[in-house]
Amino acid sequence: MRNWWFALALGCSGSDVAPSISEKEPDLCEPIWREMEALAPPLKEATGESFRMPSQHEFIGVCRSLPKSAQACLSVRYRIDHASDCEKAMSKLTNKEKKRLTRALSTPLDENALPQ
């Protein structure tokens, strides 16, 4: 499945023309990281010290290890518009994938409380 529309939805391209089939499928994780960076300041302000932003390396590594259908769901914007699809995609993740994602995205008060 081509996800060129996803980059357009995030405003990453001014073009409304679909890429040709020969183009490489875009990396969803980089634009999602940028979305997270933009959302981080208001989240930190709202949650105070309990907010922990994952490192870019940590997030992108976990994101890229997931199936494309689940990667897209890491975007808040995409998840809101595709709640049913995301629920299905996330339910198909293995326990190992779910644990890695939880560790990367969790915002614990005590980092020792992370699942092992």
C-alpha atoms as a PDB file:
ATOM      1  CA  MET A   1       0.000   0.000   0.000  1.00  0.00           C
ATOM      2  CA  ARG A   2       1.399   3.386  -0.975  1.00  0.00           C
ATOM      3  CA  ASN A   3       1.283   5.963   1.821  1.00  0.00           C
ATOM      4  CA  TRP A   4       2.105   9.110  -0.170  1.00  0.00           C
ATOM      5  CA  TRP A   5      -1.098  10.717   1.103  1.00  0.00           C
ATOM      6  CA  PHE A   6       0.189  10.420   4.648  1.00  0.00           C
ATOM      7  CA  ALA A   7       3.059  12.833   3.980  1.00  0.00           C
ATOM      8  CA  LEU A   8       0.633  15.211   2.306  1.00  0.00           C
ATOM      9  CA  ALA A   9      -1.683  15.104   5.320  1.00  0.00           C
ATOM     10  CA  LEU A  10       1.215  16.119   7.557  1.00  0.00           C
ATOM     11  CA  GLY A  11       2.034  19.012   5.268  1.00  0.00           C
ATOM     12  CA  CYS A  12       5.390  17.537   4.257  1.00  0.00           C
ATOM     13  CA  SER A  13       4.802  18.220   0.582  1.00  0.00           C
ATOM     14  CA  GLY A  14       2.996  20.911  -1.343  1.00  0.00           C
ATOM     15  CA  SER A  15       2.311  18.562  -4.228  1.00  0.00           C
ATOM     16  CA  ASP A  16      -1.082  16.984  -4.704  1.00  0.00           C
ATOM     17  CA  VAL A  17       0.200  14.598  -7.357  1.00  0.00           C
ATOM     18  CA  ALA A  18       0.714  10.982  -6.359  1.00  0.00           C
ATOM     19  CA  PRO A  19       4.282   9.710  -6.760  1.00  0.00           C
ATOM     20  CA  SER A  20       4.974   7.207  -9.500  1.00  0.00           C
ATOM     21  CA  ILE A  21       4.969   3.517  -8.666  1.00  0.00           C
ATOM     22  CA  SER A  22       8.737   3.398  -9.167  1.00  0.00           C
ATOM     23  CA  GLU A  23       9.390   5.794  -6.271  1.00  0.00           C
ATOM     24  CA  LYS A  24      10.565   4.371  -2.983  1.00  0.00           C
ATOM     25  CA  GLU A  25       7.904   4.101  -0.282  1.00  0.00           C
ATOM     26  CA  PRO A  26       8.383   6.977   2.166  1.00  0.00           C
ATOM     27  CA  ASP A  27       9.622   6.479   5.687  1.00  0.00           C
ATOM     28  CA  LEU A  28       6.675   7.174   7.995  1.00  0.00           C
ATOM     29  CA  CYS A  29       8.781   7.341  11.150  1.00  0.00           C
ATOM     30  CA  GLU A  30      10.656  10.583  10.399  1.00  0.00           C
ATOM     31  CA  PRO A  31       7.497  12.726   9.873  1.00  0.00           C
ATOM     32  CA  ILE A  32       5.877  11.128  12.911  1.00  0.00           C
ATOM     33  CA  TRP A  33       8.971  12.024  14.971  1.00  0.00           C
ATOM     34  CA  ARG A  34       8.662  15.634  13.809  1.00  0.00           C
ATOM     35  CA  GLU A  35       4.992  15.604  14.804  1.00  0.00           C
ATOM     36  CA  MET A  36       5.962  14.325  18.262  1.00  0.00           C
ATOM     37  CA  GLU A  37       8.593  17.059  18.614  1.00  0.00           C
ATOM     38  CA  ALA A  38       5.958  19.682  17.815  1.00  0.00           C
ATOM     39  CA  LEU A  39       3.526  18.216  20.352  1.00  0.00           C
ATOM     40  CA  ALA A  40       6.121  17.784  23.108  1.00  0.00           C
ATOM     41  CA  PRO A  41       6.172  21.358  24.527  1.00  0.00           C
ATOM     42  CA  PRO A  42       2.392  21.578  25.158  1.00  0.00           C
ATOM     43  CA  LEU A  43       2.369  18.028  26.563  1.00  0.00           C
ATOM     44  CA  LYS A  44       5.259  18.804  28.892  1.00  0.00           C
ATOM     45  CA  GLU A  45       3.497  21.963  30.042  1.00  0.00           C
ATOM     46  CA  ALA A  46       0.254  20.055  30.664  1.00  0.00           C
ATOM     47  CA  THR A  47       1.830  17.072  32.425  1.00  0.00           C
ATOM     48  CA  GLY A  48       4.805  18.696  34.114  1.00  0.00           C
ATOM     49  CA  GLU A  49       7.658  16.502  35.172  1.00  0.00           C
ATOM     50  CA  SER A  50       5.801  13.261  34.373  1.00  0.00           C
ATOM     51  CA  PHE A  51       6.381  13.769  30.629  1.00  0.00           C
ATOM     52  CA  ARG A  52       9.320  11.954  29.044  1.00  0.00           C
ATOM     53  CA  MET A  53      10.038  12.393  25.372  1.00  0.00           C
ATOM     54  CA  PRO A  54      11.784   9.358  23.898  1.00  0.00           C
ATOM     55  CA  SER A  55      15.062   9.949  22.137  1.00  0.00           C
ATOM     56  CA  GLN A  56      14.856  10.253  18.370  1.00  0.00           C
ATOM     57  CA  HIS A  57      17.061   7.191  17.956  1.00  0.00           C
ATOM     58  CA  GLU A  58      14.922   5.143  20.371  1.00  0.00           C
ATOM     59  CA  PHE A  59      11.609   6.164  18.796  1.00  0.00           C
ATOM     60  CA  ILE A  60      12.653   5.745  15.169  1.00  0.00           C
ATOM     61  CA  GLY A  61      14.240   2.361  15.882  1.00  0.00           C
ATOM     62  CA  VAL A  62      11.050   1.050  17.463  1.00  0.00           C
ATOM     63  CA  CYS A  63       8.844   2.690  14.830  1.00  0.00           C
ATOM     64  CA  ARG A  64      10.768   1.161  11.926  1.00  0.00           C
ATOM     65  CA  SER A  65      10.602  -2.287  13.508  1.00  0.00           C
ATOM     66  CA  LEU A  66       6.785  -2.227  13.383  1.00  0.00           C
ATOM     67  CA  PRO A  67       4.590  -3.180  10.419  1.00  0.00           C
ATOM     68  CA  LYS A  68       3.724  -0.168   8.178  1.00  0.00           C
ATOM     69  CA  SER A  69       0.064  -0.319   9.265  1.00  0.00           C
ATOM     70  CA  ALA A  70       1.097   0.136  12.904  1.00  0.00           C
ATOM     71  CA  GLN A  71       3.755   2.762  12.095  1.00  0.00           C
ATOM     72  CA  ALA A  72       1.126   5.102  10.673  1.00  0.00           C
ATOM     73  CA  CYS A  73      -0.870   4.764  13.891  1.00  0.00           C
ATOM     74  CA  LEU A  74       1.944   6.326  15.916  1.00  0.00           C
ATOM     75  CA  SER A  75       0.862   9.634  14.389  1.00  0.00           C
ATOM     76  CA  VAL A  76      -1.735  11.340  16.568  1.00  0.00           C
ATOM     77  CA  ARG A  77      -3.321  12.924  13.503  1.00  0.00           C
ATOM     78  CA  TYR A  78      -3.557   9.632  11.641  1.00  0.00           C
ATOM     79  CA  ARG A  79      -4.821   7.737  14.685  1.00  0.00           C
ATOM     80  CA  ILE A  80      -7.663  10.213  15.236  1.00  0.00           C
ATOM     81  CA  ASP A  81      -8.810   9.911  11.619  1.00  0.00           C
ATOM     82  CA  HIS A  82      -8.342   6.133  11.398  1.00  0.00           C
ATOM     83  CA  ALA A  83      -9.221   4.880  14.883  1.00  0.00           C
ATOM     84  CA  SER A  84     -10.756   1.604  13.745  1.00  0.00           C
ATOM     85  CA  ASP A  85      -7.857   0.744  11.404  1.00  0.00           C
ATOM     86  CA  CYS A  86      -5.351   1.600  14.127  1.00  0.00           C
ATOM     87  CA  GLU A  87      -7.131  -0.516  16.705  1.00  0.00           C
ATOM     88  CA  LYS A  88      -6.876  -3.488  14.323  1.00  0.00           C
ATOM     89  CA  ALA A  89      -3.234  -2.784  13.416  1.00  0.00           C
ATOM     90  CA  MET A  90      -2.137  -2.405  17.037  1.00  0.00           C
ATOM     91  CA  SER A  91      -4.007  -5.534  18.116  1.00  0.00           C
ATOM     92  CA  LYS A  92      -1.955  -7.531  15.587  1.00  0.00           C
ATOM     93  CA  LEU A  93       1.372  -6.563  17.177  1.00  0.00           C
ATOM     94  CA  THR A  94       3.270  -9.299  18.955  1.00  0.00           C
ATOM     95  CA  ASN A  95       3.791  -9.052  22.713  1.00  0.00           C
ATOM     96  CA  LYS A  96       7.453  -8.235  22.072  1.00  0.00           C
ATOM     97  CA  GLU A  97       6.502  -5.382  19.721  1.00  0.00           C
ATOM     98  CA  LYS A  98       3.962  -4.067  22.234  1.00  0.00           C
ATOM     99  CA  LYS A  99       6.553  -4.088  25.047  1.00  0.00           C
ATOM    100  CA  ARG A 100       9.158  -2.260  22.934  1.00  0.00           C
ATOM    101  CA  LEU A 101       6.572   0.336  21.941  1.00  0.00           C
ATOM    102  CA  THR A 102       5.406   0.784  25.534  1.00  0.00           C
ATOM    103  CA  ARG A 103       8.990   1.286  26.705  1.00  0.00           C
ATOM    104  CA  ALA A 104       9.696   3.815  23.966  1.00  0.00           C
ATOM    105  CA  LEU A 105       6.519   5.839  24.497  1.00  0.00           C
ATOM    106  CA  SER A 106       5.919   5.528  28.227  1.00  0.00           C
ATOM    107  CA  THR A 107       6.174   8.574  30.466  1.00  0.00           C
ATOM    108  CA  PRO A 108       6.688   7.064  33.913  1.00  0.00           C
ATOM    109  CA  LEU A 109       7.364   9.107  37.020  1.00  0.00           C
ATOM    110  CA  ASP A 110       9.815   6.424  38.036  1.00  0.00           C
ATOM    111  CA  GLU A 111      11.769   4.953  35.136  1.00  0.00           C
ATOM    112  CA  ASN A 112      12.415   1.836  37.255  1.00  0.00           C
ATOM    113  CA  ALA A 113       8.693   1.064  36.849  1.00  0.00           C
ATOM    114  CA  LEU A 114       9.102   0.285  33.142  1.00  0.00           C
ATOM    115  CA  PRO A 115       7.972  -3.217  32.142  1.00  0.00           C
ATOM    116  CA  GLN A 116      10.782  -5.739  31.816  1.00  0.00           C
END
